[in-house]
PDB file of N, CA and C in Angstrom:
ATOM      1  N   MET A   1     -22.418 -58.119-104.703  1.00  0.00           N
ATOM      2  CA  MET A   1     -21.271 -58.022-103.836  1.00  0.00           C
ATOM      3  C   MET A   1     -20.851 -56.548-103.711  1.00  0.00           C
ATOM      4  N   THR A   2     -20.561 -56.133-102.525  1.00  0.00           N
ATOM      5  CA  THR A   2     -20.128 -54.764-102.264  1.00  0.00           C
ATOM      6  C   THR A   2     -18.630 -54.639-102.512  1.00  0.00           C
ATOM      7  N   THR A   3     -18.274 -53.618-103.285  1.00  0.00           N
ATOM      8  CA  THR A   3     -16.860 -53.405-103.593  1.00  0.00           C
ATOM      9  C   THR A   3     -16.213 -52.503-102.541  1.00  0.00           C
ATOM     10  N   GLN A   4     -14.905 -52.489-102.528  1.00  0.00           N
ATOM     11  CA  GLN A   4     -14.173 -51.615-101.612  1.00  0.00           C
ATOM     12  C   GLN A   4     -14.471 -50.147-101.922  1.00  0.00           C
ATOM     13  N   ALA A   5     -14.612 -49.829-103.195  1.00  0.00           N
ATOM     14  CA  ALA A   5     -14.928 -48.448-103.585  1.00  0.00           C
ATOM     15  C   ALA A   5     -16.276 -48.021-103.017  1.00  0.00           C
ATOM     16  N   GLN A   6     -17.264 -48.919-103.037  1.00  0.00           N
ATOM     17  CA  GLN A   6     -18.571 -48.602-102.469  1.00  0.00           C
ATOM     18  C   GLN A   6     -18.488 -48.417-100.963  1.00  0.00           C
ATOM     19  N   LEU A   7     -17.727 -49.284-100.302  1.00  0.00           N
ATOM     20  CA  LEU A   7     -17.543 -49.152 -98.852  1.00  0.00           C
ATOM     21  C   LEU A   7     -16.837 -47.842 -98.511  1.00  0.00           C
ATOM     22  N   ASP A   8     -15.832 -47.494 -99.316  1.00  0.00           N
ATOM     23  CA  ASP A   8     -15.118 -46.236 -99.089  1.00  0.00           C
ATOM     24  C   ASP A   8     -16.041 -45.043 -99.265  1.00  0.00           C
ATOM     25  N   LEU A   9     -16.906 -45.082-100.277  1.00  0.00           N
ATOM     26  CA  LEU A   9     -17.846 -43.982-100.504  1.00  0.00           C
ATOM     27  C   LEU A   9     -18.797 -43.847 -99.328  1.00  0.00           C
ATOM     28  N   VAL A  10     -19.324 -44.952 -98.837  1.00  0.00           N
ATOM     29  CA  VAL A  10     -20.231 -44.922 -97.684  1.00  0.00           C
ATOM     30  C   VAL A  10     -19.518 -44.328 -96.476  1.00  0.00           C
ATOM     31  N   ALA A  11     -18.299 -44.764 -96.205  1.00  0.00           N
ATOM     32  CA  ALA A  11     -17.533 -44.243 -95.074  1.00  0.00           C
ATOM     33  C   ALA A  11     -17.261 -42.750 -95.250  1.00  0.00           C
ATOM     34  N   SER A  12     -16.959 -42.342 -96.459  1.00  0.00           N
ATOM     35  CA  SER A  12     -16.691 -40.935 -96.740  1.00  0.00           C
ATOM     36  C   SER A  12     -17.942 -40.086 -96.522  1.00  0.00           C
ATOM     37  N   LEU A  13     -19.087 -40.551 -96.992  1.00  0.00           N
ATOM     38  CA  LEU A  13     -20.342 -39.825 -96.798  1.00  0.00           C
ATOM     39  C   LEU A  13     -20.712 -39.742 -95.317  1.00  0.00           C
ATOM     40  N   GLU A  14     -20.488 -40.820 -94.594  1.00  0.00           N
ATOM     41  CA  GLU A  14     -20.772 -40.811 -93.150  1.00  0.00           C
ATOM     42  C   GLU A  14     -19.861 -39.824 -92.425  1.00  0.00           C
ATOM     43  N   ALA A  15     -18.595 -39.771 -92.801  1.00  0.00           N
ATOM     44  CA  ALA A  15     -17.661 -38.825 -92.178  1.00  0.00           C
ATOM     45  C   ALA A  15     -18.058 -37.388 -92.504  1.00  0.00           C
ATOM     46  N   ARG A  16     -18.466 -37.150 -93.755  1.00  0.00           N
ATOM     47  CA  ARG A  16     -18.929 -35.810 -94.142  1.00  0.00           C
ATOM     48  C   ARG A  16     -20.130 -35.395 -93.304  1.00  0.00           C
ATOM     49  N   ASP A  17     -21.121 -36.273 -93.222  1.00  0.00           N
ATOM     50  CA  ASP A  17     -22.337 -35.956 -92.478  1.00  0.00           C
ATOM     51  C   ASP A  17     -22.053 -35.726 -90.997  1.00  0.00           C
ATOM     52  N   ALA A  18     -21.141 -36.510 -90.427  1.00  0.00           N
ATOM     53  CA  ALA A  18     -20.776 -36.329 -89.017  1.00  0.00           C
ATOM     54  C   ALA A  18     -20.086 -34.987 -88.806  1.00  0.00           C
ATOM     55  N   GLY A  19     -19.225 -34.602 -89.735  1.00  0.00           N
ATOM     56  CA  GLY A  19     -18.550 -33.309 -89.634  1.00  0.00           C
ATOM     57  C   GLY A  19     -19.517 -32.153 -89.742  1.00  0.00           C
ATOM     58  N   ILE A  20     -20.445 -32.244 -90.689  1.00  0.00           N
ATOM     59  CA  ILE A  20     -21.448 -31.186 -90.851  1.00  0.00           C
ATOM     60  C   ILE A  20     -22.329 -31.106 -89.614  1.00  0.00           C
ATOM     61  N   ALA A  21     -22.714 -32.238 -89.057  1.00  0.00           N
ATOM     62  CA  ALA A  21     -23.540 -32.246 -87.843  1.00  0.00           C
ATOM     63  C   ALA A  21     -22.808 -31.589 -86.683  1.00  0.00           C
ATOM     64  N   GLN A  22     -21.518 -31.887 -86.552  1.00  0.00           N
ATOM     65  CA  GLN A  22     -20.736 -31.296 -85.459  1.00  0.00           C
ATOM     66  C   GLN A  22     -20.663 -29.779 -85.605  1.00  0.00           C
ATOM     67  N   VAL A  23     -20.398 -29.304 -86.811  1.00  0.00           N
ATOM     68  CA  VAL A  23     -20.325 -27.858 -87.039  1.00  0.00           C
ATOM     69  C   VAL A  23     -21.695 -27.227 -86.835  1.00  0.00           C
ATOM     70  N   SER A  24     -22.733 -27.870 -87.343  1.00  0.00           N
ATOM     71  CA  SER A  24     -24.093 -27.339 -87.180  1.00  0.00           C
ATOM     72  C   SER A  24     -24.468 -27.223 -85.709  1.00  0.00           C
ATOM     73  N   ASP A  25     -24.157 -28.264 -84.937  1.00  0.00           N
ATOM     74  CA  ASP A  25     -24.493 -28.274 -83.515  1.00  0.00           C
ATOM     75  C   ASP A  25     -23.780 -27.168 -82.752  1.00  0.00           C
ATOM     76  N   SER A  26     -22.579 -26.807 -83.179  1.00  0.00           N
ATOM     77  CA  SER A  26     -21.830 -25.764 -82.469  1.00  0.00           C
ATOM     78  C   SER A  26     -22.122 -24.356 -83.006  1.00  0.00           C
ATOM     79  N   HIS A  27     -22.980 -24.267 -84.016  1.00  0.00           N
ATOM     80  CA  HIS A  27     -23.306 -22.966 -84.614  1.00  0.00           C
ATOM     81  C   HIS A  27     -24.813 -22.756 -84.762  1.00  0.00           C
ATOM     82  N   VAL A  28     -25.607 -23.349 -83.892  1.00  0.00           N
ATOM     83  CA  VAL A  28     -27.066 -23.273 -84.006  1.00  0.00           C
ATOM     84  C   VAL A  28     -27.541 -21.824 -84.053  1.00  0.00           C
ATOM     85  N   ALA A  29     -27.107 -21.004 -83.133  1.00  0.00           N
ATOM     86  CA  ALA A  29     -27.557 -19.611 -83.079  1.00  0.00           C
ATOM     87  C   ALA A  29     -27.093 -18.842 -84.313  1.00  0.00           C
ATOM     88  N   TRP A  30     -25.856 -19.073 -84.733  1.00  0.00           N
ATOM     89  CA  TRP A  30     -25.342 -18.370 -85.908  1.00  0.00           C
ATOM     90  C   TRP A  30     -26.140 -18.745 -87.152  1.00  0.00           C
ATOM     91  N   ILE A  31     -26.457 -20.028 -87.312  1.00  0.00           N
ATOM     92  CA  ILE A  31     -27.230 -20.478 -88.474  1.00  0.00           C
ATOM     93  C   ILE A  31     -28.612 -19.840 -88.466  1.00  0.00           C
ATOM     94  N   GLU A  32     -29.249 -19.754 -87.306  1.00  0.00           N
ATOM     95  CA  GLU A  32     -30.569 -19.106 -87.235  1.00  0.00           C
ATOM     96  C   GLU A  32     -30.469 -17.618 -87.589  1.00  0.00           C
ATOM     97  N   ASP A  33     -29.430 -16.952 -87.094  1.00  0.00           N
ATOM     98  CA  ASP A  33     -29.227 -15.538 -87.456  1.00  0.00           C
ATOM     99  C   ASP A  33     -28.998 -15.390 -88.958  1.00  0.00           C
ATOM    100  N   ALA A  34     -28.228 -16.315 -89.535  1.00  0.00           N
ATOM    101  CA  ALA A  34     -27.971 -16.271 -90.977  1.00  0.00           C
ATOM    102  C   ALA A  34     -29.262 -16.489 -91.757  1.00  0.00           C
ATOM    103  N   ARG A  35     -30.103 -17.397 -91.302  1.00  0.00           N
ATOM    104  CA  ARG A  35     -31.394 -17.626 -91.973  1.00  0.00           C
ATOM    105  C   ARG A  35     -32.256 -16.373 -91.908  1.00  0.00           C
ATOM    106  N   ASP A  36     -32.258 -15.695 -90.763  1.00  0.00           N
ATOM    107  CA  ASP A  36     -32.994 -14.431 -90.654  1.00  0.00           C
ATOM    108  C   ASP A  36     -32.431 -13.396 -91.620  1.00  0.00           C
ATOM    109  N   GLY A  37     -31.102 -13.357 -91.717  1.00  0.00           N
ATOM    110  CA  GLY A  37     -30.462 -12.423 -92.630  1.00  0.00           C
ATOM    111  C   GLY A  37     -30.810 -12.716 -94.078  1.00  0.00           C
ATOM    112  N   ILE A  38     -30.850 -13.982 -94.432  1.00  0.00           N
ATOM    113  CA  ILE A  38     -31.218 -14.369 -95.797  1.00  0.00           C
ATOM    114  C   ILE A  38     -32.656 -13.967 -96.092  1.00  0.00           C
ATOM    115  N   ARG A  39     -33.546 -14.192 -95.132  1.00  0.00           N
ATOM    116  CA  ARG A  39     -34.950 -13.773 -95.313  1.00  0.00           C
ATOM    117  C   ARG A  39     -35.014 -12.279 -95.599  1.00  0.00           C
ATOM    118  N   TRP A  40     -34.265 -11.496 -94.809  1.00  0.00           N
ATOM    119  CA  TRP A  40     -34.266 -10.044 -94.977  1.00  0.00           C
ATOM    120  C   TRP A  40     -33.698  -9.668 -96.352  1.00  0.00           C
ATOM    121  N   LEU A  41     -32.578 -10.275 -96.716  1.00  0.00           N
ATOM    122  CA  LEU A  41     -31.969  -9.991 -98.019  1.00  0.00           C
ATOM    123  C   LEU A  41     -32.912 -10.351 -99.160  1.00  0.00           C
ATOM    124  N   ARG A  42     -33.566 -11.496 -99.051  1.00  0.00           N
ATOM    125  CA  ARG A  42     -34.506 -11.909-100.105  1.00  0.00           C
ATOM    126  C   ARG A  42     -35.691 -10.959-100.186  1.00  0.00           C
ATOM    127  N   SER A  43     -36.255 -10.597 -99.054  1.00  0.00           N
ATOM    128  CA  SER A  43     -37.445  -9.726 -99.061  1.00  0.00           C
ATOM    129  C   SER A  43     -37.122  -8.319 -99.563  1.00  0.00           C
ATOM    130  N   ASN A  44     -35.869  -7.937 -99.496  1.00  0.00           N
ATOM    131  CA  ASN A  44     -35.453  -6.619 -99.976  1.00  0.00           C
ATOM    132  C   ASN A  44     -34.791  -6.683-101.360  1.00  0.00           C
ATOM    133  N   GLY A  45     -34.927  -7.814-102.022  1.00  0.00           N
ATOM    134  CA  GLY A  45     -34.419  -7.962-103.382  1.00  0.00           C
ATOM    135  C   GLY A  45     -32.905  -7.940-103.501  1.00  0.00           C
ATOM    136  N   MET A  46     -32.209  -8.290-102.403  1.00  0.00           N
ATOM    137  CA  MET A  46     -30.752  -8.233-102.403  1.00  0.00           C
ATOM    138  C   MET A  46     -30.101  -9.585-102.674  1.00  0.00           C
ATOM    139  N   LEU A  47     -30.895 -10.600-102.881  1.00  0.00           N
ATOM    140  CA  LEU A  47     -30.403 -11.915-103.293  1.00  0.00           C
ATOM    141  C   LEU A  47     -31.296 -12.380-104.433  1.00  0.00           C
ATOM    142  N   PRO A  48     -30.702 -12.776-105.551  1.00  0.00           N
ATOM    143  CA  PRO A  48     -31.520 -13.252-106.672  1.00  0.00           C
ATOM    144  C   PRO A  48     -32.113 -14.625-106.383  1.00  0.00           C
ATOM    145  N   LEU A  49     -32.962 -15.082-107.285  1.00  0.00           N
ATOM    146  CA  LEU A  49     -33.611 -16.378-107.136  1.00  0.00           C
ATOM    147  C   LEU A  49     -32.589 -17.521-107.166  1.00  0.00           C
ATOM    148  N   GLU A  50     -31.562 -17.389-107.999  1.00  0.00           N
ATOM    149  CA  GLU A  50     -30.522 -18.411-108.089  1.00  0.00           C
ATOM    150  C   GLU A  50     -29.216 -17.861-107.530  1.00  0.00           C
ATOM    151  N   VAL A  51     -28.611 -18.618-106.613  1.00  0.00           N
ATOM    152  CA  VAL A  51     -27.410 -18.171-105.913  1.00  0.00           C
ATOM    153  C   VAL A  51     -26.455 -19.328-105.680  1.00  0.00           C
ATOM    154  N   THR A  52     -25.239 -18.970-105.331  1.00  0.00           N
ATOM    155  CA  THR A  52     -24.272 -19.946-104.835  1.00  0.00           C
ATOM    156  C   THR A  52     -24.107 -19.686-103.335  1.00  0.00           C
ATOM    157  N   GLY A  53     -23.469 -20.612-102.661  1.00  0.00           N
ATOM    158  CA  GLY A  53     -23.146 -20.367-101.251  1.00  0.00           C
ATOM    159  C   GLY A  53     -22.260 -19.143-101.110  1.00  0.00           C
ATOM    160  N   GLU A  54     -21.376 -18.942-102.078  1.00  0.00           N
ATOM    161  CA  GLU A  54     -20.503 -17.770-102.058  1.00  0.00           C
ATOM    162  C   GLU A  54     -21.320 -16.484-102.151  1.00  0.00           C
ATOM    163  N   ASP A  55     -22.356 -16.466-103.000  1.00  0.00           N
ATOM    164  CA  ASP A  55     -23.217 -15.284-103.109  1.00  0.00           C
ATOM    165  C   ASP A  55     -23.872 -14.974-101.763  1.00  0.00           C
ATOM    166  N   ILE A  56     -24.339 -16.010-101.095  1.00  0.00           N
ATOM    167  CA  ILE A  56     -24.987 -15.822 -99.791  1.00  0.00           C
ATOM    168  C   ILE A  56     -23.977 -15.309 -98.773  1.00  0.00           C
ATOM    169  N   ARG A  57     -22.791 -15.904 -98.743  1.00  0.00           N
ATOM    170  CA  ARG A  57     -21.753 -15.458 -97.805  1.00  0.00           C
ATOM    171  C   ARG A  57     -21.414 -13.991 -98.024  1.00  0.00           C
ATOM    172  N   VAL A  58     -21.164 -13.608 -99.256  1.00  0.00           N
ATOM    173  CA  VAL A  58     -20.788 -12.225 -99.569  1.00  0.00           C
ATOM    174  C   VAL A  58     -21.916 -11.262 -99.174  1.00  0.00           C
ATOM    175  N   ALA A  59     -23.156 -11.623 -99.499  1.00  0.00           N
ATOM    176  CA  ALA A  59     -24.288 -10.745 -99.186  1.00  0.00           C
ATOM    177  C   ALA A  59     -24.494 -10.600 -97.682  1.00  0.00           C
ATOM    178  N   LEU A  60     -24.401 -11.706 -96.945  1.00  0.00           N
ATOM    179  CA  LEU A  60     -24.580 -11.629 -95.493  1.00  0.00           C
ATOM    180  C   LEU A  60     -23.482 -10.794 -94.839  1.00  0.00           C
ATOM    181  N   LEU A  61     -22.244 -11.016 -95.231  1.00  0.00           N
ATOM    182  CA  LEU A  61     -21.143 -10.246 -94.648  1.00  0.00           C
ATOM    183  C   LEU A  61     -21.271  -8.765 -94.996  1.00  0.00           C
ATOM    184  N   ALA A  62     -21.672  -8.458 -96.225  1.00  0.00           N
ATOM    185  CA  ALA A  62     -21.852  -7.060 -96.634  1.00  0.00           C
ATOM    186  C   ALA A  62     -22.981  -6.389 -95.850  1.00  0.00           C
ATOM    187  N   ALA A  63     -23.969  -7.184 -95.428  1.00  0.00           N
ATOM    188  CA  ALA A  63     -25.089  -6.644 -94.656  1.00  0.00           C
ATOM    189  C   ALA A  63     -24.769  -6.527 -93.170  1.00  0.00           C
ATOM    190  N   GLY A  64     -23.554  -6.932 -92.773  1.00  0.00           N
ATOM    191  CA  GLY A  64     -23.147  -6.789 -91.382  1.00  0.00           C
ATOM    192  C   GLY A  64     -23.239  -8.043 -90.540  1.00  0.00           C
ATOM    193  N   MET A  65     -23.562  -9.161 -91.164  1.00  0.00           N
ATOM    194  CA  MET A  65     -23.618 -10.425 -90.426  1.00  0.00           C
ATOM    195  C   MET A  65     -22.198 -10.822 -90.031  1.00  0.00           C
ATOM    196  N   PRO A  66     -21.966 -11.137 -88.772  1.00  0.00           N
ATOM    197  CA  PRO A  66     -20.617 -11.575 -88.393  1.00  0.00           C
ATOM    198  C   PRO A  66     -20.300 -12.946 -88.984  1.00  0.00           C
ATOM    199  N   ALA A  67     -19.049 -13.149 -89.279  1.00  0.00           N
ATOM    200  CA  ALA A  67     -18.602 -14.447 -89.784  1.00  0.00           C
ATOM    201  C   ALA A  67     -18.721 -15.479 -88.667  1.00  0.00           C
ATOM    202  N   PRO A  68     -18.931 -16.739 -89.014  1.00  0.00           N
ATOM    203  CA  PRO A  68     -19.000 -17.777 -87.982  1.00  0.00           C
ATOM    204  C   PRO A  68     -17.625 -18.022 -87.375  1.00  0.00           C
ATOM    205  N   LYS A  69     -17.610 -18.711 -86.232  1.00  0.00           N
ATOM    206  CA  LYS A  69     -16.343 -19.048 -85.580  1.00  0.00           C
ATOM    207  C   LYS A  69     -15.481 -19.948 -86.450  1.00  0.00           C
ATOM    208  N   ARG A  70     -16.118 -20.841 -87.189  1.00  0.00           N
ATOM    209  CA  ARG A  70     -15.393 -21.766 -88.074  1.00  0.00           C
ATOM    210  C   ARG A  70     -15.939 -21.608 -89.485  1.00  0.00           C
ATOM    211  N   PRO A  71     -15.072 -21.511 -90.485  1.00  0.00           N
ATOM    212  CA  PRO A  71     -15.546 -21.300 -91.854  1.00  0.00           C
ATOM    213  C   PRO A  71     -16.412 -22.440 -92.395  1.00  0.00           C
ATOM    214  N   HIS A  72     -16.293 -23.625 -91.806  1.00  0.00           N
ATOM    215  CA  HIS A  72     -17.118 -24.745 -92.258  1.00  0.00           C
ATOM    216  C   HIS A  72     -18.605 -24.520 -91.958  1.00  0.00           C
ATOM    217  N   ALA A  73     -18.917 -23.541 -91.113  1.00  0.00           N
ATOM    218  CA  ALA A  73     -20.317 -23.249 -90.797  1.00  0.00           C
ATOM    219  C   ALA A  73     -21.073 -22.747 -92.026  1.00  0.00           C
ATOM    220  N   TRP A  74     -20.357 -22.163 -92.989  1.00  0.00           N
ATOM    221  CA  TRP A  74     -21.034 -21.737 -94.230  1.00  0.00           C
ATOM    222  C   TRP A  74     -21.606 -22.962 -94.943  1.00  0.00           C
ATOM    223  N   GLY A  75     -20.854 -24.014 -95.015  1.00  0.00           N
ATOM    224  CA  GLY A  75     -21.340 -25.250 -95.632  1.00  0.00           C
ATOM    225  C   GLY A  75     -22.488 -25.856 -94.845  1.00  0.00           C
ATOM    226  N   ALA A  76     -22.396 -25.790 -93.516  1.00  0.00           N
ATOM    227  CA  ALA A  76     -23.480 -26.295 -92.676  1.00  0.00           C
ATOM    228  C   ALA A  76     -24.751 -25.481 -92.904  1.00  0.00           C
ATOM    229  N   LEU A  77     -24.605 -24.173 -93.092  1.00  0.00           N
ATOM    230  CA  LEU A  77     -25.756 -23.326 -93.393  1.00  0.00           C
ATOM    231  C   LEU A  77     -26.408 -23.771 -94.694  1.00  0.00           C
ATOM    232  N   MET A  78     -25.598 -23.988 -95.721  1.00  0.00           N
ATOM    233  CA  MET A  78     -26.145 -24.397 -97.010  1.00  0.00           C
ATOM    234  C   MET A  78     -26.838 -25.755 -96.901  1.00  0.00           C
ATOM    235  N   ARG A  79     -26.244 -26.667 -96.148  1.00  0.00           N
ATOM    236  CA  ARG A  79     -26.862 -27.987 -95.952  1.00  0.00           C
ATOM    237  C   ARG A  79     -28.204 -27.831 -95.225  1.00  0.00           C
ATOM    238  N   THR A  80     -28.248 -26.960 -94.221  1.00  0.00           N
ATOM    239  CA  THR A  80     -29.489 -26.716 -93.488  1.00  0.00           C
ATOM    240  C   THR A  80     -30.563 -26.173 -94.417  1.00  0.00           C
ATOM    241  N   LEU A  81     -30.187 -25.222 -95.270  1.00  0.00           N
ATOM    242  CA  LEU A  81     -31.154 -24.651 -96.215  1.00  0.00           C
ATOM    243  C   LEU A  81     -31.653 -25.715 -97.193  1.00  0.00           C
ATOM    244  N   ALA A  82     -30.739 -26.544 -97.684  1.00  0.00           N
ATOM    245  CA  ALA A  82     -31.107 -27.562 -98.670  1.00  0.00           C
ATOM    246  C   ALA A  82     -31.987 -28.650 -98.062  1.00  0.00           C
ATOM    247  N   THR A  83     -31.596 -29.164 -96.905  1.00  0.00           N
ATOM    248  CA  THR A  83     -32.379 -30.248 -96.305  1.00  0.00           C
ATOM    249  C   THR A  83     -33.718 -29.743 -95.788  1.00  0.00           C
ATOM    250  N   GLY A  84     -33.795 -28.445 -95.489  1.00  0.00           N
ATOM    251  CA  GLY A  84     -35.053 -27.860 -95.043  1.00  0.00           C
ATOM    252  C   GLY A  84     -35.971 -27.451 -96.189  1.00  0.00           C
ATOM    253  N   GLY A  85     -35.500 -27.607 -97.419  1.00  0.00           N
ATOM    254  CA  GLY A  85     -36.331 -27.289 -98.570  1.00  0.00           C
ATOM    255  C   GLY A  85     -36.339 -25.828 -98.974  1.00  0.00           C
ATOM    256  N   ALA A  86     -35.503 -25.004 -98.354  1.00  0.00           N
ATOM    257  CA  ALA A  86     -35.474 -23.579 -98.688  1.00  0.00           C
ATOM    258  C   ALA A  86     -34.762 -23.317-100.007  1.00  0.00           C
ATOM    259  N   ILE A  87     -33.812 -24.188-100.354  1.00  0.00           N
ATOM    260  CA  ILE A  87     -33.107 -24.069-101.622  1.00  0.00           C
ATOM    261  C   ILE A  87     -33.098 -25.431-102.307  1.00  0.00           C
ATOM    262  N   GLU A  88     -33.019 -25.386-103.635  1.00  0.00           N
ATOM    263  CA  GLU A  88     -32.999 -26.612-104.425  1.00  0.00           C
ATOM    264  C   GLU A  88     -31.793 -26.556-105.348  1.00  0.00           C
ATOM    265  N   ASP A  89     -31.124 -27.674-105.535  1.00  0.00           N
ATOM    266  CA  ASP A  89     -29.973 -27.753-106.421  1.00  0.00           C
ATOM    267  C   ASP A  89     -30.456 -27.662-107.861  1.00  0.00           C
ATOM    268  N   THR A  90     -29.864 -26.756-108.651  1.00  0.00           N
ATOM    269  CA  THR A  90     -30.247 -26.614-110.057  1.00  0.00           C
ATOM    270  C   THR A  90     -29.557 -27.652-110.937  1.00  0.00           C
ATOM    271  N   GLY A  91     -28.548 -28.328-110.395  1.00  0.00           N
ATOM    272  CA  GLY A  91     -27.766 -29.264-111.194  1.00  0.00           C
ATOM    273  C   GLY A  91     -26.633 -28.586-111.952  1.00  0.00           C
ATOM    274  N   ARG A  92     -26.534 -27.268-111.812  1.00  0.00           N
ATOM    275  CA  ARG A  92     -25.457 -26.523-112.465  1.00  0.00           C
ATOM    276  C   ARG A  92     -24.416 -26.144-111.428  1.00  0.00           C
ATOM    277  N   SER A  93     -23.232 -25.819-111.901  1.00  0.00           N
ATOM    278  CA  SER A  93     -22.187 -25.311-111.019  1.00  0.00           C
ATOM    279  C   SER A  93     -21.423 -24.216-111.758  1.00  0.00           C
ATOM    280  N   VAL A  94     -20.784 -23.359-110.979  1.00  0.00           N
ATOM    281  CA  VAL A  94     -19.986 -22.265-111.522  1.00  0.00           C
ATOM    282  C   VAL A  94     -18.681 -22.191-110.738  1.00  0.00           C
ATOM    283  N   HIS A  95     -17.726 -21.479-111.299  1.00  0.00           N
ATOM    284  CA  HIS A  95     -16.467 -21.267-110.590  1.00  0.00           C
ATOM    285  C   HIS A  95     -16.660 -20.194-109.519  1.00  0.00           C
ATOM    286  N   MET A  96     -16.063 -20.415-108.356  1.00  0.00           N
ATOM    287  CA  MET A  96     -16.097 -19.417-107.293  1.00  0.00           C
ATOM    288  C   MET A  96     -15.162 -18.271-107.672  1.00  0.00           C
ATOM    289  N   ARG A  97     -15.468 -17.077-107.184  1.00  0.00           N
ATOM    290  CA  ARG A  97     -14.699 -15.886-107.529  1.00  0.00           C
ATOM    291  C   ARG A  97     -13.632 -15.536-106.491  1.00  0.00           C
ATOM    292  N   ASP A  98     -13.835 -15.907-105.233  1.00  0.00           N
ATOM    293  CA  ASP A  98     -12.876 -15.577-104.184  1.00  0.00           C
ATOM    294  C   ASP A  98     -11.536 -16.249-104.493  1.00  0.00           C
ATOM    295  N   VAL A  99     -10.477 -15.473-104.478  1.00  0.00           N
ATOM    296  CA  VAL A  99      -9.145 -15.992-104.817  1.00  0.00           C
ATOM    297  C   VAL A  99      -8.772 -17.171-103.921  1.00  0.00           C
ATOM    298  N   ARG A 100      -9.170 -17.118-102.646  1.00  0.00           N
ATOM    299  CA  ARG A 100      -8.836 -18.208-101.719  1.00  0.00           C
ATOM    300  C   ARG A 100      -9.527 -19.509-102.084  1.00  0.00           C
ATOM    301  N   SER A 101     -10.557 -19.445-102.918  1.00  0.00           N
ATOM    302  CA  SER A 101     -11.285 -20.643-103.340  1.00  0.00           C
ATOM    303  C   SER A 101     -10.659 -21.310-104.558  1.00  0.00           C
ATOM    304  N   HIS A 102      -9.675 -20.642-105.139  1.00  0.00           N
ATOM    305  CA  HIS A 102      -8.933 -21.204-106.282  1.00  0.00           C
ATOM    306  C   HIS A 102      -9.848 -21.621-107.427  1.00  0.00           C
ATOM    307  N   ALA A 103     -10.912 -20.851-107.633  1.00  0.00           N
ATOM    308  CA  ALA A 103     -11.853 -21.053-108.745  1.00  0.00           C
ATOM    309  C   ALA A 103     -12.484 -22.442-108.754  1.00  0.00           C
ATOM    310  N   ARG A 104     -12.588 -23.083-107.595  1.00  0.00           N
ATOM    311  CA  ARG A 104     -13.227 -24.402-107.590  1.00  0.00           C
ATOM    312  C   ARG A 104     -14.706 -24.235-107.935  1.00  0.00           C
ATOM    313  N   ARG A 105     -15.293 -25.284-108.397  1.00  0.00           N
ATOM    314  CA  ARG A 105     -16.690 -25.234-108.811  1.00  0.00           C
ATOM    315  C   ARG A 105     -17.599 -25.404-107.596  1.00  0.00           C
ATOM    316  N   THR A 106     -18.729 -24.704-107.640  1.00  0.00           N
ATOM    317  CA  THR A 106     -19.681 -24.735-106.545  1.00  0.00           C
ATOM    318  C   THR A 106     -21.092 -24.837-107.126  1.00  0.00           C
ATOM    319  N   PRO A 107     -22.002 -25.486-106.424  1.00  0.00           N
ATOM    320  CA  PRO A 107     -23.368 -25.632-106.949  1.00  0.00           C
ATOM    321  C   PRO A 107     -24.111 -24.305-107.041  1.00  0.00           C
ATOM    322  N   VAL A 108     -24.993 -24.235-108.018  1.00  0.00           N
ATOM    323  CA  VAL A 108     -25.938 -23.117-108.117  1.00  0.00           C
ATOM    324  C   VAL A 108     -27.253 -23.618-107.525  1.00  0.00           C
ATOM    325  N   TRP A 109     -27.789 -22.846-106.597  1.00  0.00           N
ATOM    326  CA  TRP A 109     -29.017 -23.200-105.894  1.00  0.00           C
ATOM    327  C   TRP A 109     -30.134 -22.259-106.320  1.00  0.00           C
ATOM    328  N   ARG A 110     -31.367 -22.709-106.215  1.00  0.00           N
ATOM    329  CA  ARG A 110     -32.533 -21.871-106.469  1.00  0.00           C
ATOM    330  C   ARG A 110     -33.386 -21.845-105.197  1.00  0.00           C
ATOM    331  N   PHE A 111     -33.748 -20.632-104.775  1.00  0.00           N
ATOM    332  CA  PHE A 111     -34.643 -20.531-103.634  1.00  0.00           C
ATOM    333  C   PHE A 111     -35.991 -21.125-104.019  1.00  0.00           C
ATOM    334  N   ALA A 112     -36.569 -21.894-103.133  1.00  0.00           N
ATOM    335  CA  ALA A 112     -37.883 -22.478-103.377  1.00  0.00           C
ATOM    336  C   ALA A 112     -38.901 -21.348-103.369  1.00  0.00           C
ATOM    337  N   GLU A 113     -39.554 -21.158-104.472  1.00  0.00           N
ATOM    338  CA  GLU A 113     -40.465 -20.033-104.610  1.00  0.00           C
ATOM    339  C   GLU A 113     -41.695 -20.158-103.718  1.00  0.00           C
ATOM    340  N   ASP A 114     -42.072 -21.390-103.403  1.00  0.00           N
ATOM    341  CA  ASP A 114     -43.254 -21.576-102.571  1.00  0.00           C
ATOM    342  C   ASP A 114     -42.945 -21.452-101.089  1.00  0.00           C
ATOM    343  N   GLN A 115     -41.683 -21.199-100.774  1.00  0.00           N
ATOM    344  CA  GLN A 115     -41.276 -21.057 -99.370  1.00  0.00           C
ATOM    345  C   GLN A 115     -41.083 -19.581 -99.061  1.00  0.00           C
ATOM    346  N   ASP A 116     -41.631 -19.130 -97.958  1.00  0.00           N
ATOM    347  CA  ASP A 116     -41.486 -17.749 -97.545  1.00  0.00           C
ATOM    348  C   ASP A 116     -40.146 -17.512 -96.868  1.00  0.00           C
ATOM    349  N   ALA A 117     -39.594 -18.558 -96.280  1.00  0.00           N
ATOM    350  CA  ALA A 117     -38.376 -18.373 -95.484  1.00  0.00           C
ATOM    351  C   ALA A 117     -37.360 -19.456 -95.769  1.00  0.00           C
ATOM    352  N   PRO A 118     -36.089 -19.090 -95.674  1.00  0.00           N
ATOM    353  CA  PRO A 118     -35.040 -20.109 -95.832  1.00  0.00           C
ATOM    354  C   PRO A 118     -34.993 -21.063 -94.657  1.00  0.00           C
TER     355      PRO A 118
END
C-alpha cells in the first residue's frame, strides 16, 4: 500500500524535476557556455578533481563568465553535468562558504576521469 508520505515524495520529486527542466530550457546557451568554461578551467588546472557547485560557480565567475539570468540555473548546470556523466556524487557533503548560503550543506562531486569534457 502506498502511503501519503510516499505520494508526497513522488509529487515533490516531480515538481523539482519540472522546475529544473524549466530553468534548463530557458538557459540552454548559458549552460553550454558554462560547460565550455569548466572544460577550460579543468584543462588549465583551475578546478580540482573534487568540487562543489559553489566551487564551480566561484571559479566560473572569477574567470569572467557572466552570471545566469536566474540563480537556479547553477543547480540546473550541476544537474546537467551529473546526468551527463561529467561529475559523480562522492556521497560526501560540506558546508557552503558564501554567507548568503547560511552554511547549508552541499554535495561534493568528482569529475569523471574518463571524460574529457563536462
